[in-house]
Amino acid sequence: MPGKFLKDTTIIYSYPRSGLHLLIVGLYMLDGNNVDLPYDEIWASNKIPFQTHTSVADCFSQATIPMKYERHILLLRNPCSHYSSVEPDDRIGGKNRAAKQVGVRYPDDINWDLGLRWIATTVKQFDRWRPWKDQVEMFPKRTDFPVPRIQHVHRGTPGSKKMVVYYEDLVQDKKTLLEVADFIGIKYDTVGHQPGLIDFDFIRQNAKRLYLEKGWLPSSKITLKEEEKKELLDKVRGAIGDDETFDKYYKRYT
């Protein structure tokens, strides 16, 4: 949005290890910023969107977040990929590697309560969020109430909009990244060494470089059997609580 900083206009909600780093660095580079700056300086910049791993529900419980934002982005990934990211047992230099593997699952956390809670609260609240002009939304019909009840609907600033982005699309090519840039109003031209071209490989290389320079580590993966994947997705469906909302956000993974 012209004349405003991305930090003040755009918020991204994501569970750890959903591609947030690539998305942030990509948008930062598309906006023509200096990617050679230190990681911490880039992340503290007002030239990147505000981002949070806190659930949307928890964000809305804080009055200042996220009502002021004009663009809301939900970044999702296959829950099976999250579940298969397990904390490593080994130590490096006497320190737990997981300190640099934010969002990995503890091996004994079979139920994955933290992940299921994030999914349930975030997806349901994000789905409930409406533009400013929409005033109310009714609960599903209930026979145990004498009169219809009004469901609280979160409303942002006038003209605010929301978008869902999937990790699996984001990492494929530049198309999804450019769609996000268009959504939040970034005017891009050249990224890389050829004028007029967007070099997605160049973006990925810099995102990876900054990630490793900060000291973050790629997650350690385990292989899930097909029946384990199905069971986990059934848990996600149950946590969300209704098939329509589950299918709206996660059907692609079934």
C-alpha atoms as a PDB file:
ATOM      1  CA  MET A   1       0.000   0.000   0.000  1.00  0.00           C
ATOM      2  CA  PRO A   2       1.497   3.329  -1.112  1.00  0.00           C
ATOM      3  CA  GLY A   3       3.088   5.459   1.576  1.00  0.00           C
ATOM      4  CA  LYS A   4       2.868   2.780   4.280  1.00  0.00           C
ATOM      5  CA  PHE A   5       5.333   0.258   5.637  1.00  0.00           C
ATOM      6  CA  LEU A   6       4.582  -3.443   5.197  1.00  0.00           C
ATOM      7  CA  LYS A   7       5.127  -3.972   8.931  1.00  0.00           C
ATOM      8  CA  ASP A   8       2.097  -1.742   9.556  1.00  0.00           C
ATOM      9  CA  THR A   9      -0.234  -3.025   6.843  1.00  0.00           C
ATOM     10  CA  THR A  10       0.296  -6.785   6.504  1.00  0.00           C
ATOM     11  CA  ILE A  11       0.278  -9.686   8.961  1.00  0.00           C
ATOM     12  CA  ILE A  12       1.208 -13.313   8.249  1.00  0.00           C
ATOM     13  CA  TYR A  13       0.011 -16.149  10.483  1.00  0.00           C
ATOM     14  CA  SER A  14       1.950 -19.408  10.222  1.00  0.00           C
ATOM     15  CA  TYR A  15       2.829 -22.492  12.196  1.00  0.00           C
ATOM     16  CA  PRO A  16       6.632 -22.945  12.483  1.00  0.00           C
ATOM     17  CA  ARG A  17       8.261 -24.629   9.471  1.00  0.00           C
ATOM     18  CA  SER A  18       5.629 -23.533   6.992  1.00  0.00           C
ATOM     19  CA  GLY A  19       7.897 -21.525   4.676  1.00  0.00           C
ATOM     20  CA  LEU A  20       7.613 -18.188   6.459  1.00  0.00           C
ATOM     21  CA  HIS A  21      11.330 -17.474   6.041  1.00  0.00           C
ATOM     22  CA  LEU A  22      11.204 -17.941   2.259  1.00  0.00           C
ATOM     23  CA  LEU A  23       8.057 -15.856   1.969  1.00  0.00           C
ATOM     24  CA  ILE A  24       9.456 -12.978   4.033  1.00  0.00           C
ATOM     25  CA  VAL A  25      12.820 -12.895   2.245  1.00  0.00           C
ATOM     26  CA  GLY A  26      11.110 -13.199  -1.139  1.00  0.00           C
ATOM     27  CA  LEU A  27       8.793 -10.258  -0.480  1.00  0.00           C
ATOM     28  CA  TYR A  28      11.684  -8.227   0.922  1.00  0.00           C
ATOM     29  CA  MET A  29      13.720  -8.812  -2.239  1.00  0.00           C
ATOM     30  CA  LEU A  30      10.797  -8.195  -4.590  1.00  0.00           C
ATOM     31  CA  ASP A  31      10.356  -4.825  -2.919  1.00  0.00           C
ATOM     32  CA  GLY A  32      13.906  -3.908  -3.964  1.00  0.00           C
ATOM     33  CA  ASN A  33      15.551  -4.041  -0.542  1.00  0.00           C
ATOM     34  CA  ASN A  34      19.156  -4.867   0.318  1.00  0.00           C
ATOM     35  CA  VAL A  35      19.393  -8.604   1.001  1.00  0.00           C
ATOM     36  CA  ASP A  36      23.065  -8.310   1.989  1.00  0.00           C
ATOM     37  CA  LEU A  37      22.154  -6.785   5.331  1.00  0.00           C
ATOM     38  CA  PRO A  38      22.472  -8.955   8.468  1.00  0.00           C
ATOM     39  CA  TYR A  39      19.568 -11.280   9.240  1.00  0.00           C
ATOM     40  CA  ASP A  40      18.562  -9.445  12.411  1.00  0.00           C
ATOM     41  CA  GLU A  41      18.518  -6.095  10.646  1.00  0.00           C
ATOM     42  CA  ILE A  42      16.249  -7.444   7.905  1.00  0.00           C
ATOM     43  CA  TRP A  43      13.918  -9.080  10.418  1.00  0.00           C
ATOM     44  CA  ALA A  44      13.692  -5.869  12.457  1.00  0.00           C
ATOM     45  CA  SER A  45      12.957  -3.834   9.357  1.00  0.00           C
ATOM     46  CA  ASN A  46       9.595  -2.172   8.749  1.00  0.00           C
ATOM     47  CA  LYS A  47       9.943  -3.289   5.123  1.00  0.00           C
ATOM     48  CA  ILE A  48       8.690  -6.816   5.836  1.00  0.00           C
ATOM     49  CA  PRO A  49       5.204  -7.875   6.988  1.00  0.00           C
ATOM     50  CA  PHE A  50       4.499  -8.443  10.644  1.00  0.00           C
ATOM     51  CA  GLN A  51       4.560 -12.180  11.250  1.00  0.00           C
ATOM     52  CA  THR A  52       3.500 -14.432  14.078  1.00  0.00           C
ATOM     53  CA  HIS A  53       3.409 -18.102  15.026  1.00  0.00           C
ATOM     54  CA  THR A  54       0.754 -17.254  17.605  1.00  0.00           C
ATOM     55  CA  SER A  55      -2.686 -18.550  16.701  1.00  0.00           C
ATOM     56  CA  VAL A  56      -5.147 -16.122  15.154  1.00  0.00           C
ATOM     57  CA  ALA A  57      -7.396 -16.637  18.152  1.00  0.00           C
ATOM     58  CA  ASP A  58      -4.644 -15.520  20.531  1.00  0.00           C
ATOM     59  CA  CYS A  59      -3.825 -12.567  18.297  1.00  0.00           C
ATOM     60  CA  PHE A  60      -7.419 -11.392  18.332  1.00  0.00           C
ATOM     61  CA  SER A  61      -7.413 -11.536  22.122  1.00  0.00           C
ATOM     62  CA  GLN A  62      -4.856  -8.728  22.021  1.00  0.00           C
ATOM     63  CA  ALA A  63      -6.599  -5.486  21.183  1.00  0.00           C
ATOM     64  CA  THR A  64      -3.768  -4.046  19.103  1.00  0.00           C
ATOM     65  CA  ILE A  65      -3.372  -7.193  16.983  1.00  0.00           C
ATOM     66  CA  PRO A  66      -4.481  -7.607  14.283  1.00  0.00           C
ATOM     67  CA  MET A  67      -7.302  -5.112  13.770  1.00  0.00           C
ATOM     68  CA  LYS A  68      -5.051  -2.453  12.280  1.00  0.00           C
ATOM     69  CA  TYR A  69      -3.794  -4.594   9.383  1.00  0.00           C
ATOM     70  CA  GLU A  70      -5.143  -4.242   5.880  1.00  0.00           C
ATOM     71  CA  ARG A  71      -3.867  -7.587   4.559  1.00  0.00           C
ATOM     72  CA  HIS A  72      -4.094 -10.892   6.429  1.00  0.00           C
ATOM     73  CA  ILE A  73      -2.205 -13.930   5.103  1.00  0.00           C
ATOM     74  CA  LEU A  74      -2.566 -17.467   6.431  1.00  0.00           C
ATOM     75  CA  LEU A  75       0.423 -19.644   5.477  1.00  0.00           C
ATOM     76  CA  LEU A  76      -0.381 -23.362   5.665  1.00  0.00           C
ATOM     77  CA  ARG A  77       1.503 -26.603   5.123  1.00  0.00           C
ATOM     78  CA  ASN A  78       0.525 -30.261   5.091  1.00  0.00           C
ATOM     79  CA  PRO A  79       0.039 -31.203   8.773  1.00  0.00           C
ATOM     80  CA  CYS A  80       1.788 -34.512   8.039  1.00  0.00           C
ATOM     81  CA  SER A  81       4.955 -32.572   7.215  1.00  0.00           C
ATOM     82  CA  HIS A  82       4.751 -30.758  10.541  1.00  0.00           C
ATOM     83  CA  TYR A  83       4.170 -33.978  12.442  1.00  0.00           C
ATOM     84  CA  SER A  84       7.126 -35.689  10.772  1.00  0.00           C
ATOM     85  CA  SER A  85       9.512 -32.896  11.871  1.00  0.00           C
ATOM     86  CA  VAL A  86      10.870 -34.442  15.063  1.00  0.00           C
ATOM     87  CA  GLU A  87      13.355 -33.075  17.578  1.00  0.00           C
ATOM     88  CA  PRO A  88      16.754 -34.751  17.088  1.00  0.00           C
ATOM     89  CA  ASP A  89      18.304 -36.683  19.956  1.00  0.00           C
ATOM     90  CA  ASP A  90      21.894 -35.643  19.312  1.00  0.00           C
ATOM     91  CA  ARG A  91      23.624 -32.586  20.730  1.00  0.00           C
ATOM     92  CA  ILE A  92      26.035 -30.169  19.121  1.00  0.00           C
ATOM     93  CA  GLY A  93      28.536 -28.408  21.346  1.00  0.00           C
ATOM     94  CA  GLY A  94      26.609 -29.537  24.403  1.00  0.00           C
ATOM     95  CA  LYS A  95      23.488 -27.656  23.294  1.00  0.00           C
ATOM     96  CA  ASN A  96      20.178 -29.076  22.192  1.00  0.00           C
ATOM     97  CA  ARG A  97      19.865 -28.699  18.420  1.00  0.00           C
ATOM     98  CA  ALA A  98      16.149 -28.122  18.808  1.00  0.00           C
ATOM     99  CA  ALA A  99      16.938 -24.666  20.155  1.00  0.00           C
ATOM    100  CA  LYS A 100      17.489 -23.792  16.506  1.00  0.00           C
ATOM    101  CA  GLN A 101      14.686 -26.012  15.242  1.00  0.00           C
ATOM    102  CA  VAL A 102      11.657 -24.051  16.366  1.00  0.00           C
ATOM    103  CA  GLY A 103       8.393 -25.886  15.810  1.00  0.00           C
ATOM    104  CA  VAL A 104       9.688 -29.447  15.711  1.00  0.00           C
ATOM    105  CA  ARG A 105       7.669 -32.099  17.508  1.00  0.00           C
ATOM    106  CA  TYR A 106       9.013 -33.864  20.577  1.00  0.00           C
ATOM    107  CA  PRO A 107       9.314 -37.621  19.912  1.00  0.00           C
ATOM    108  CA  ASP A 108       6.996 -38.515  22.797  1.00  0.00           C
ATOM    109  CA  ASP A 109       4.336 -36.003  21.736  1.00  0.00           C
ATOM    110  CA  ILE A 110       2.329 -38.619  19.876  1.00  0.00           C
ATOM    111  CA  ASN A 111      -0.929 -36.661  20.068  1.00  0.00           C
ATOM    112  CA  TRP A 112       0.678 -33.426  18.770  1.00  0.00           C
ATOM    113  CA  ASP A 113      -1.600 -31.340  20.984  1.00  0.00           C
ATOM    114  CA  LEU A 114       0.219 -28.068  20.306  1.00  0.00           C
ATOM    115  CA  GLY A 115      -0.069 -28.404  16.537  1.00  0.00           C
ATOM    116  CA  LEU A 116      -3.699 -29.482  16.615  1.00  0.00           C
ATOM    117  CA  ARG A 117      -4.587 -26.583  18.886  1.00  0.00           C
ATOM    118  CA  TRP A 118      -2.874 -24.087  16.571  1.00  0.00           C
ATOM    119  CA  ILE A 119      -4.667 -25.510  13.544  1.00  0.00           C
ATOM    120  CA  ALA A 120      -8.062 -25.621  15.219  1.00  0.00           C
ATOM    121  CA  THR A 121      -7.981 -22.111  16.652  1.00  0.00           C
ATOM    122  CA  THR A 122      -6.202 -20.413  13.770  1.00  0.00           C
ATOM    123  CA  VAL A 123      -8.146 -21.902  10.864  1.00  0.00           C
ATOM    124  CA  LYS A 124     -11.517 -21.414  12.524  1.00  0.00           C
ATOM    125  CA  GLN A 125     -10.812 -17.827  13.540  1.00  0.00           C
ATOM    126  CA  PHE A 126      -9.251 -16.934  10.200  1.00  0.00           C
ATOM    127  CA  ASP A 127     -12.280 -18.389   8.428  1.00  0.00           C
ATOM    128  CA  ARG A 128     -14.555 -16.352  10.685  1.00  0.00           C
ATOM    129  CA  TRP A 129     -12.745 -13.110   9.977  1.00  0.00           C
ATOM    130  CA  ARG A 130     -14.768 -10.835   7.713  1.00  0.00           C
ATOM    131  CA  PRO A 131     -14.243  -7.480   5.976  1.00  0.00           C
ATOM    132  CA  TRP A 132     -15.255  -4.421   7.955  1.00  0.00           C
ATOM    133  CA  LYS A 133     -18.635  -4.031   6.235  1.00  0.00           C
ATOM    134  CA  ASP A 134     -19.880  -7.451   7.351  1.00  0.00           C
ATOM    135  CA  GLN A 135     -21.477  -6.931  10.744  1.00  0.00           C
ATOM    136  CA  VAL A 136     -22.679 -10.286  12.006  1.00  0.00           C
ATOM    137  CA  GLU A 137     -22.745 -13.971  11.217  1.00  0.00           C
ATOM    138  CA  MET A 138     -25.277 -16.384  12.624  1.00  0.00           C
ATOM    139  CA  PHE A 139     -24.421 -19.537  14.524  1.00  0.00           C
ATOM    140  CA  PRO A 140     -25.443 -22.773  12.815  1.00  0.00           C
ATOM    141  CA  LYS A 141     -29.087 -23.417  13.623  1.00  0.00           C
ATOM    142  CA  ARG A 142     -29.477 -24.601  17.209  1.00  0.00           C
ATOM    143  CA  THR A 143     -32.650 -26.058  18.686  1.00  0.00           C
ATOM    144  CA  ASP A 144     -31.633 -25.524  22.295  1.00  0.00           C
ATOM    145  CA  PHE A 145     -31.800 -21.718  22.120  1.00  0.00           C
ATOM    146  CA  PRO A 146     -35.128 -19.870  22.186  1.00  0.00           C
ATOM    147  CA  VAL A 147     -33.839 -17.126  19.871  1.00  0.00           C
ATOM    148  CA  PRO A 148     -31.035 -16.995  17.264  1.00  0.00           C
ATOM    149  CA  ARG A 149     -27.655 -16.133  18.705  1.00  0.00           C
ATOM    150  CA  ILE A 150     -25.144 -13.800  17.118  1.00  0.00           C
ATOM    151  CA  GLN A 151     -21.676 -15.144  16.433  1.00  0.00           C
ATOM    152  CA  HIS A 152     -18.798 -12.752  17.030  1.00  0.00           C
ATOM    153  CA  VAL A 153     -17.126 -11.894  13.745  1.00  0.00           C
ATOM    154  CA  HIS A 154     -13.689 -10.312  13.671  1.00  0.00           C
ATOM    155  CA  ARG A 155     -13.520  -7.183  11.542  1.00  0.00           C
ATOM    156  CA  GLY A 156     -10.416  -5.397  10.360  1.00  0.00           C
ATOM    157  CA  THR A 157      -9.853  -1.939   8.955  1.00  0.00           C
ATOM    158  CA  PRO A 158     -12.044  -0.790   6.052  1.00  0.00           C
ATOM    159  CA  GLY A 159     -10.928  -2.452   2.843  1.00  0.00           C
ATOM    160  CA  SER A 160      -8.970  -5.173   4.606  1.00  0.00           C
ATOM    161  CA  LYS A 161      -8.623  -8.538   2.844  1.00  0.00           C
ATOM    162  CA  LYS A 162      -7.333 -12.045   3.558  1.00  0.00           C
ATOM    163  CA  MET A 163      -5.419 -14.655   1.565  1.00  0.00           C
ATOM    164  CA  VAL A 164      -4.415 -18.289   2.084  1.00  0.00           C
ATOM    165  CA  VAL A 165      -0.970 -19.409   0.875  1.00  0.00           C
ATOM    166  CA  TYR A 166       0.288 -22.998   0.814  1.00  0.00           C
ATOM    167  CA  TYR A 167       3.902 -23.947   1.440  1.00  0.00           C
ATOM    168  CA  GLU A 168       3.801 -26.564  -1.311  1.00  0.00           C
ATOM    169  CA  ASP A 169       2.883 -23.885  -3.868  1.00  0.00           C
ATOM    170  CA  LEU A 170       5.302 -21.318  -2.491  1.00  0.00           C
ATOM    171  CA  VAL A 171       8.383 -23.517  -2.915  1.00  0.00           C
ATOM    172  CA  GLN A 172       7.566 -24.642  -6.462  1.00  0.00           C
ATOM    173  CA  ASP A 173       8.199 -21.468  -8.440  1.00  0.00           C
ATOM    174  CA  LYS A 174       7.793 -17.708  -8.352  1.00  0.00           C
ATOM    175  CA  LYS A 175       4.084 -17.689  -9.285  1.00  0.00           C
ATOM    176  CA  THR A 176       2.741 -17.912  -5.733  1.00  0.00           C
ATOM    177  CA  LEU A 177       5.293 -15.448  -4.364  1.00  0.00           C
ATOM    178  CA  LEU A 178       4.321 -12.911  -7.037  1.00  0.00           C
ATOM    179  CA  GLU A 179       0.638 -13.420  -6.239  1.00  0.00           C
ATOM    180  CA  VAL A 180       1.341 -12.558  -2.604  1.00  0.00           C
ATOM    181  CA  ALA A 181       3.362  -9.518  -3.678  1.00  0.00           C
ATOM    182  CA  ASP A 182       0.436  -8.350  -5.831  1.00  0.00           C
ATOM    183  CA  PHE A 183      -1.961  -8.938  -2.945  1.00  0.00           C
ATOM    184  CA  ILE A 184      -0.034  -6.666  -0.571  1.00  0.00           C
ATOM    185  CA  GLY A 185       0.802  -4.056  -3.205  1.00  0.00           C
ATOM    186  CA  ILE A 186       4.503  -4.606  -3.906  1.00  0.00           C
ATOM    187  CA  LYS A 187       5.616  -3.223  -7.270  1.00  0.00           C
ATOM    188  CA  TYR A 188       8.429  -5.475  -8.459  1.00  0.00           C
ATOM    189  CA  ASP A 189      10.655  -5.371 -11.505  1.00  0.00           C
ATOM    190  CA  THR A 190      13.992  -7.160 -11.229  1.00  0.00           C
ATOM    191  CA  VAL A 191      15.374  -9.668  -8.760  1.00  0.00           C
ATOM    192  CA  GLY A 192      18.671 -11.219  -9.733  1.00  0.00           C
ATOM    193  CA  HIS A 193      21.199 -10.308 -12.387  1.00  0.00           C
ATOM    194  CA  GLN A 194      19.022 -10.011 -15.493  1.00  0.00           C
ATOM    195  CA  PRO A 195      17.075  -6.752 -15.875  1.00  0.00           C
ATOM    196  CA  GLY A 196      13.320  -7.201 -15.954  1.00  0.00           C
ATOM    197  CA  LEU A 197      13.392 -10.796 -14.693  1.00  0.00           C
ATOM    198  CA  ILE A 198      12.522 -12.333 -11.323  1.00  0.00           C
ATOM    199  CA  ASP A 199      15.114 -15.009 -10.510  1.00  0.00           C
ATOM    200  CA  PHE A 200      13.343 -17.318  -8.063  1.00  0.00           C
ATOM    201  CA  ASP A 201      16.437 -19.476  -7.586  1.00  0.00           C
ATOM    202  CA  PHE A 202      18.335 -16.349  -6.551  1.00  0.00           C
ATOM    203  CA  ILE A 203      15.616 -15.611  -3.988  1.00  0.00           C
ATOM    204  CA  ARG A 204      15.762 -19.156  -2.608  1.00  0.00           C
ATOM    205  CA  GLN A 205      19.549 -19.086  -2.404  1.00  0.00           C
ATOM    206  CA  ASN A 206      19.493 -15.891  -0.360  1.00  0.00           C
ATOM    207  CA  ALA A 207      16.682 -17.147   1.865  1.00  0.00           C
ATOM    208  CA  LYS A 208      18.678 -20.289   2.613  1.00  0.00           C
ATOM    209  CA  ARG A 209      21.885 -18.323   3.181  1.00  0.00           C
ATOM    210  CA  LEU A 210      20.242 -16.001   5.695  1.00  0.00           C
ATOM    211  CA  TYR A 211      18.540 -18.943   7.395  1.00  0.00           C
ATOM    212  CA  LEU A 212      21.811 -20.779   7.930  1.00  0.00           C
ATOM    213  CA  GLU A 213      23.777 -17.653   8.836  1.00  0.00           C
ATOM    214  CA  LYS A 214      21.315 -17.036  11.652  1.00  0.00           C
ATOM    215  CA  GLY A 215      22.015 -20.525  12.928  1.00  0.00           C
ATOM    216  CA  TRP A 216      18.680 -22.126  12.160  1.00  0.00           C
ATOM    217  CA  LEU A 217      18.780 -25.776  11.148  1.00  0.00           C
ATOM    218  CA  PRO A 218      16.664 -27.772   8.700  1.00  0.00           C
ATOM    219  CA  SER A 219      14.238 -30.083  10.463  1.00  0.00           C
ATOM    220  CA  SER A 220      14.917 -33.767  10.990  1.00  0.00           C
ATOM    221  CA  LYS A 221      12.229 -35.813   9.251  1.00  0.00           C
ATOM    222  CA  ILE A 222      10.716 -39.199   9.931  1.00  0.00           C
ATOM    223  CA  THR A 223       8.733 -41.176   7.374  1.00  0.00           C
ATOM    224  CA  LEU A 224       5.028 -41.606   8.049  1.00  0.00           C
ATOM    225  CA  LYS A 225       3.060 -44.556   6.768  1.00  0.00           C
ATOM    226  CA  GLU A 226      -0.067 -43.869   4.731  1.00  0.00           C
ATOM    227  CA  GLU A 227      -2.322 -45.020   7.553  1.00  0.00           C
ATOM    228  CA  GLU A 228      -0.476 -42.671   9.928  1.00  0.00           C
ATOM    229  CA  LYS A 229      -1.053 -39.762   7.564  1.00  0.00           C
ATOM    230  CA  LYS A 230      -4.737 -40.569   7.310  1.00  0.00           C
ATOM    231  CA  GLU A 231      -5.060 -40.861  11.067  1.00  0.00           C
ATOM    232  CA  LEU A 232      -3.370 -37.499  11.572  1.00  0.00           C
ATOM    233  CA  LEU A 233      -5.572 -35.754   9.006  1.00  0.00           C
ATOM    234  CA  ASP A 234      -8.609 -37.260  10.718  1.00  0.00           C
ATOM    235  CA  LYS A 235      -7.351 -35.695  13.968  1.00  0.00           C
ATOM    236  CA  VAL A 236      -7.026 -32.349  12.196  1.00  0.00           C
ATOM    237  CA  ARG A 237     -10.574 -32.700  10.877  1.00  0.00           C
ATOM    238  CA  GLY A 238     -11.790 -33.473  14.382  1.00  0.00           C
ATOM    239  CA  ALA A 239      -9.899 -30.552  15.898  1.00  0.00           C
ATOM    240  CA  ILE A 240     -11.431 -28.124  13.389  1.00  0.00           C
ATOM    241  CA  GLY A 241     -14.829 -29.585  14.132  1.00  0.00           C
ATOM    242  CA  ASP A 242     -16.640 -29.522  10.823  1.00  0.00           C
ATOM    243  CA  ASP A 243     -16.046 -31.058   7.413  1.00  0.00           C
ATOM    244  CA  GLU A 244     -16.816 -27.913   5.434  1.00  0.00           C
ATOM    245  CA  THR A 245     -14.077 -25.845   7.070  1.00  0.00           C
ATOM    246  CA  PHE A 246     -11.604 -28.736   6.964  1.00  0.00           C
ATOM    247  CA  ASP A 247     -12.212 -29.268   3.247  1.00  0.00           C
ATOM    248  CA  LYS A 248     -11.915 -25.549   2.577  1.00  0.00           C
ATOM    249  CA  TYR A 249      -8.365 -25.422   3.933  1.00  0.00           C
ATOM    250  CA  TYR A 250      -6.983 -28.977   3.953  1.00  0.00           C
ATOM    251  CA  LYS A 251      -8.810 -31.065   1.334  1.00  0.00           C
ATOM    252  CA  ARG A 252      -5.794 -30.891  -0.974  1.00  0.00           C
ATOM    253  CA  TYR A 253      -3.872 -33.097   1.457  1.00  0.00           C
ATOM    254  CA  THR A 254      -6.425 -35.910   1.672  1.00  0.00           C
END
